[in-house]
């Protein structure tokens, strides 16, 4: 396990008595997405400032540990966003990162980071990303995010278009976890 992997998993087994493990993980990823959105939109270039803003807006909705872990995950994923964008661009040639909706782009970056640099269960990473895409993205975001992350998860190469992104067995991946 690298230091990046250790940092992203820090506190992963901490006490989450109030929420089941899956819900805590989804809450953490929700916080990470919100922080990534701020970084990507240029609202902040400092992960610490994003963290302060995040804590102010989500303190009532997520445990402090999920917020902290989400901010840490966002900071690590943002550090590698250029690497993620390069690989994602080869998998979604019709929709390279600069053309993707901000939510989709950052969910793909988060998912890419977790699939490449963490020991999180891959199907859970994809499932949570798809769930967040459906919650915050467009009508097609869930299928698109699932299609691209499925290819990353399975080590495949090749193009995923918006039309065939759902062919990556959306129900199979989302049904896990």
Protein backbone atom coordinates (compact mmCIF):
# COMPACT_ATOMS: atom_id res chain seq x y z
CA UNK A 1 0.00 0.00 0.00
CA UNK A 2 1.44 3.39 -0.98
CA UNK A 3 1.30 6.47 1.20
CA UNK A 4 -1.44 7.83 -1.06
CA UNK A 5 -3.48 4.68 -0.56
CA UNK A 6 -2.93 4.81 3.19
CA UNK A 7 -4.01 8.45 3.34
CA UNK A 8 -7.17 7.82 1.37
CA UNK A 9 -8.10 4.91 3.60
CA UNK A 10 -7.23 6.63 6.87
CA UNK A 11 -10.13 6.27 9.23
CA UNK A 12 -11.99 3.94 6.88
CA UNK A 13 -12.66 1.51 9.67
CA UNK A 14 -13.33 4.22 12.27
CA UNK A 15 -16.48 4.11 14.37
CA UNK A 16 -19.55 4.72 12.24
CA UNK A 17 -22.15 3.54 14.70
CA UNK A 18 -24.74 5.98 13.36
CA UNK A 19 -24.54 4.83 9.74
CA UNK A 20 -23.93 1.46 8.11
CA UNK A 21 -20.58 1.13 6.34
CA UNK A 22 -21.99 1.64 2.84
CA UNK A 23 -23.85 4.80 3.77
CA UNK A 24 -20.75 6.23 5.45
CA UNK A 25 -18.70 5.51 2.36
CA UNK A 26 -21.28 7.11 0.11
CA UNK A 27 -21.41 10.16 2.39
CA UNK A 28 -17.63 10.42 2.22
CA UNK A 29 -17.68 10.22 -1.57
CA UNK A 30 -20.49 12.79 -1.71
CA UNK A 31 -18.27 15.19 0.28
CA UNK A 32 -15.32 14.40 -1.99
CA UNK A 33 -17.43 15.14 -5.08
CA UNK A 34 -18.52 18.48 -3.66
CA UNK A 35 -14.92 19.42 -2.87
CA UNK A 36 -13.77 18.33 -6.35
CA UNK A 37 -16.55 20.41 -7.89
CA UNK A 38 -15.26 23.48 -6.04
CA UNK A 39 -11.67 22.80 -7.10
CA UNK A 40 -12.67 22.20 -10.72
CA UNK A 41 -14.91 25.26 -10.91
CA UNK A 42 -12.06 27.41 -9.65
CA UNK A 43 -13.95 28.36 -6.51
CA UNK A 44 -10.86 27.38 -4.57
CA UNK A 45 -7.38 26.14 -5.34
CA UNK A 46 -6.63 25.24 -1.74
CA UNK A 47 -7.90 21.93 -0.40
CA UNK A 48 -7.93 23.35 3.15
CA UNK A 49 -10.26 26.17 2.11
CA UNK A 50 -12.49 23.70 0.32
CA UNK A 51 -12.52 21.67 3.53
CA UNK A 52 -13.62 24.66 5.60
CA UNK A 53 -16.38 25.48 3.15
CA UNK A 54 -17.41 21.83 2.98
CA UNK A 55 -17.62 21.56 6.76
CA UNK A 56 -19.80 24.63 6.93
CA UNK A 57 -22.31 23.32 4.39
CA UNK A 58 -22.49 19.59 5.24
CA UNK A 59 -21.90 19.48 8.99
CA UNK A 60 -25.54 18.60 9.65
CA UNK A 61 -25.70 15.89 6.96
CA UNK A 62 -22.54 13.82 7.32
CA UNK A 63 -20.39 12.71 10.23
CA UNK A 64 -17.23 14.79 10.69
CA UNK A 65 -15.08 11.75 9.88
CA UNK A 66 -16.80 11.36 6.49
CA UNK A 67 -16.27 15.03 5.73
CA UNK A 68 -12.59 14.82 6.67
CA UNK A 69 -12.09 11.62 4.68
CA UNK A 70 -13.98 13.08 1.74
CA UNK A 71 -11.80 16.19 1.71
CA UNK A 72 -8.66 14.02 1.90
CA UNK A 73 -9.92 11.85 -0.97
CA UNK A 74 -10.69 14.94 -3.06
CA UNK A 75 -7.23 16.38 -2.44
CA UNK A 76 -5.55 13.15 -3.53
CA UNK A 77 -7.80 12.70 -6.57
CA UNK A 78 -7.21 16.33 -7.58
CA UNK A 79 -3.45 15.77 -7.36
CA UNK A 80 -3.82 13.04 -10.01
CA UNK A 81 -6.57 14.65 -12.12
CA UNK A 82 -4.30 15.17 -15.15
CA UNK A 83 -3.41 11.44 -15.18
CA UNK A 84 -7.08 10.54 -14.80
CA UNK A 85 -8.11 12.91 -17.60
CA UNK A 86 -5.56 11.37 -19.99
CA UNK A 87 -6.89 7.85 -19.47
CA UNK A 88 -10.53 8.92 -19.46
CA UNK A 89 -10.00 10.79 -22.74
CA UNK A 90 -8.91 7.53 -24.40
CA UNK A 91 -12.01 5.73 -23.10
CA UNK A 92 -14.54 8.41 -24.00
CA UNK A 93 -13.18 9.96 -27.20
CA UNK A 94 -16.49 11.63 -28.10
CA UNK A 95 -16.74 13.08 -24.59
CA UNK A 96 -13.24 13.99 -23.42
CA UNK A 97 -13.06 15.49 -19.92
CA UNK A 98 -13.18 19.12 -21.09
CA UNK A 99 -16.58 18.43 -22.74
CA UNK A 100 -18.09 16.46 -19.86
CA UNK A 101 -20.45 18.00 -17.33
CA UNK A 102 -18.53 19.04 -14.20
CA UNK A 103 -20.23 16.39 -12.05
CA UNK A 104 -19.48 13.56 -14.47
CA UNK A 105 -15.87 14.67 -14.96
CA UNK A 106 -15.18 14.78 -11.23
CA UNK A 107 -16.93 11.51 -10.46
CA UNK A 108 -14.77 9.89 -13.13
CA UNK A 109 -11.64 11.45 -11.61
CA UNK A 110 -12.61 10.26 -8.12
CA UNK A 111 -13.47 6.79 -9.40
CA UNK A 112 -10.26 6.61 -11.44
CA UNK A 113 -8.20 7.58 -8.41
CA UNK A 114 -9.86 4.99 -6.16
CA UNK A 115 -9.63 2.23 -8.76
CA UNK A 116 -5.97 2.97 -9.51
CA UNK A 117 -4.62 4.02 -6.11
CA UNK A 118 -6.70 2.49 -3.32
CA UNK A 119 -7.74 -0.88 -2.00
CA UNK A 120 -11.43 0.02 -1.93
CA UNK A 121 -13.68 -2.70 -3.43
CA UNK A 122 -13.88 -1.78 -7.14
CA UNK A 123 -17.57 -2.61 -7.56
CA UNK A 124 -18.44 -0.42 -4.56
CA UNK A 125 -16.40 2.46 -6.01
CA UNK A 126 -18.29 2.19 -9.31
CA UNK A 127 -21.67 1.68 -7.64
CA UNK A 128 -21.29 4.77 -5.45
CA UNK A 129 -20.08 6.86 -8.39
CA UNK A 130 -23.13 5.79 -10.43
CA UNK A 131 -25.45 6.58 -7.53
CA UNK A 132 -23.93 10.06 -7.14
CA UNK A 133 -24.10 10.61 -10.90
CA UNK A 134 -27.82 9.85 -10.82
CA UNK A 135 -28.28 12.13 -7.81
CA UNK A 136 -26.29 15.14 -9.07
CA UNK A 137 -25.78 14.67 -12.81
CA UNK A 138 -27.84 14.66 -15.97
CA UNK A 139 -30.31 12.00 -17.08
CA UNK A 140 -27.48 10.13 -18.85
CA UNK A 141 -24.78 10.62 -16.22
CA UNK A 142 -25.28 7.30 -14.44
CA UNK A 143 -24.90 5.27 -17.63
CA UNK A 144 -21.93 7.29 -18.83
CA UNK A 145 -20.03 7.16 -15.52
CA UNK A 146 -20.77 3.45 -15.20
CA UNK A 147 -19.54 2.72 -18.73
CA UNK A 148 -16.25 4.55 -18.31
CA UNK A 149 -15.48 3.32 -14.79
CA UNK A 150 -16.41 -0.24 -15.77
CA UNK A 151 -13.75 -0.11 -18.49
CA UNK A 152 -11.20 1.27 -16.03
CA UNK A 153 -12.14 -1.35 -13.43
CA UNK A 154 -11.77 -4.17 -15.97
CA UNK A 155 -8.58 -2.79 -17.53
CA UNK A 156 -10.19 -2.39 -20.92
CA UNK A 157 -9.34 0.17 -23.54
CA UNK A 158 -11.56 1.61 -26.19
CA UNK A 159 -14.19 4.23 -26.63
CA UNK A 160 -17.35 4.60 -24.55
CA UNK A 161 -19.94 6.79 -26.24
CA UNK A 162 -22.90 8.33 -24.47
CA UNK A 163 -25.18 5.94 -26.39
CA UNK A 164 -23.43 2.69 -25.50
CA UNK A 165 -22.20 3.59 -22.02
CA UNK A 166 -25.12 1.69 -20.51
CA UNK A 167 -23.93 -1.50 -22.17
CA UNK A 168 -21.51 -1.94 -19.28
CA UNK A 169 -24.25 -3.65 -17.27
CA UNK A 170 -25.48 -0.75 -15.13
CA UNK A 171 -27.81 -2.93 -13.09
CA UNK A 172 -25.10 -5.49 -12.39
CA UNK A 173 -22.64 -2.95 -10.97
CA UNK A 174 -25.20 -0.84 -9.10
CA UNK A 175 -26.83 -3.94 -7.65
CA UNK A 176 -23.62 -4.81 -5.79
CA UNK A 177 -22.65 -3.35 -2.43
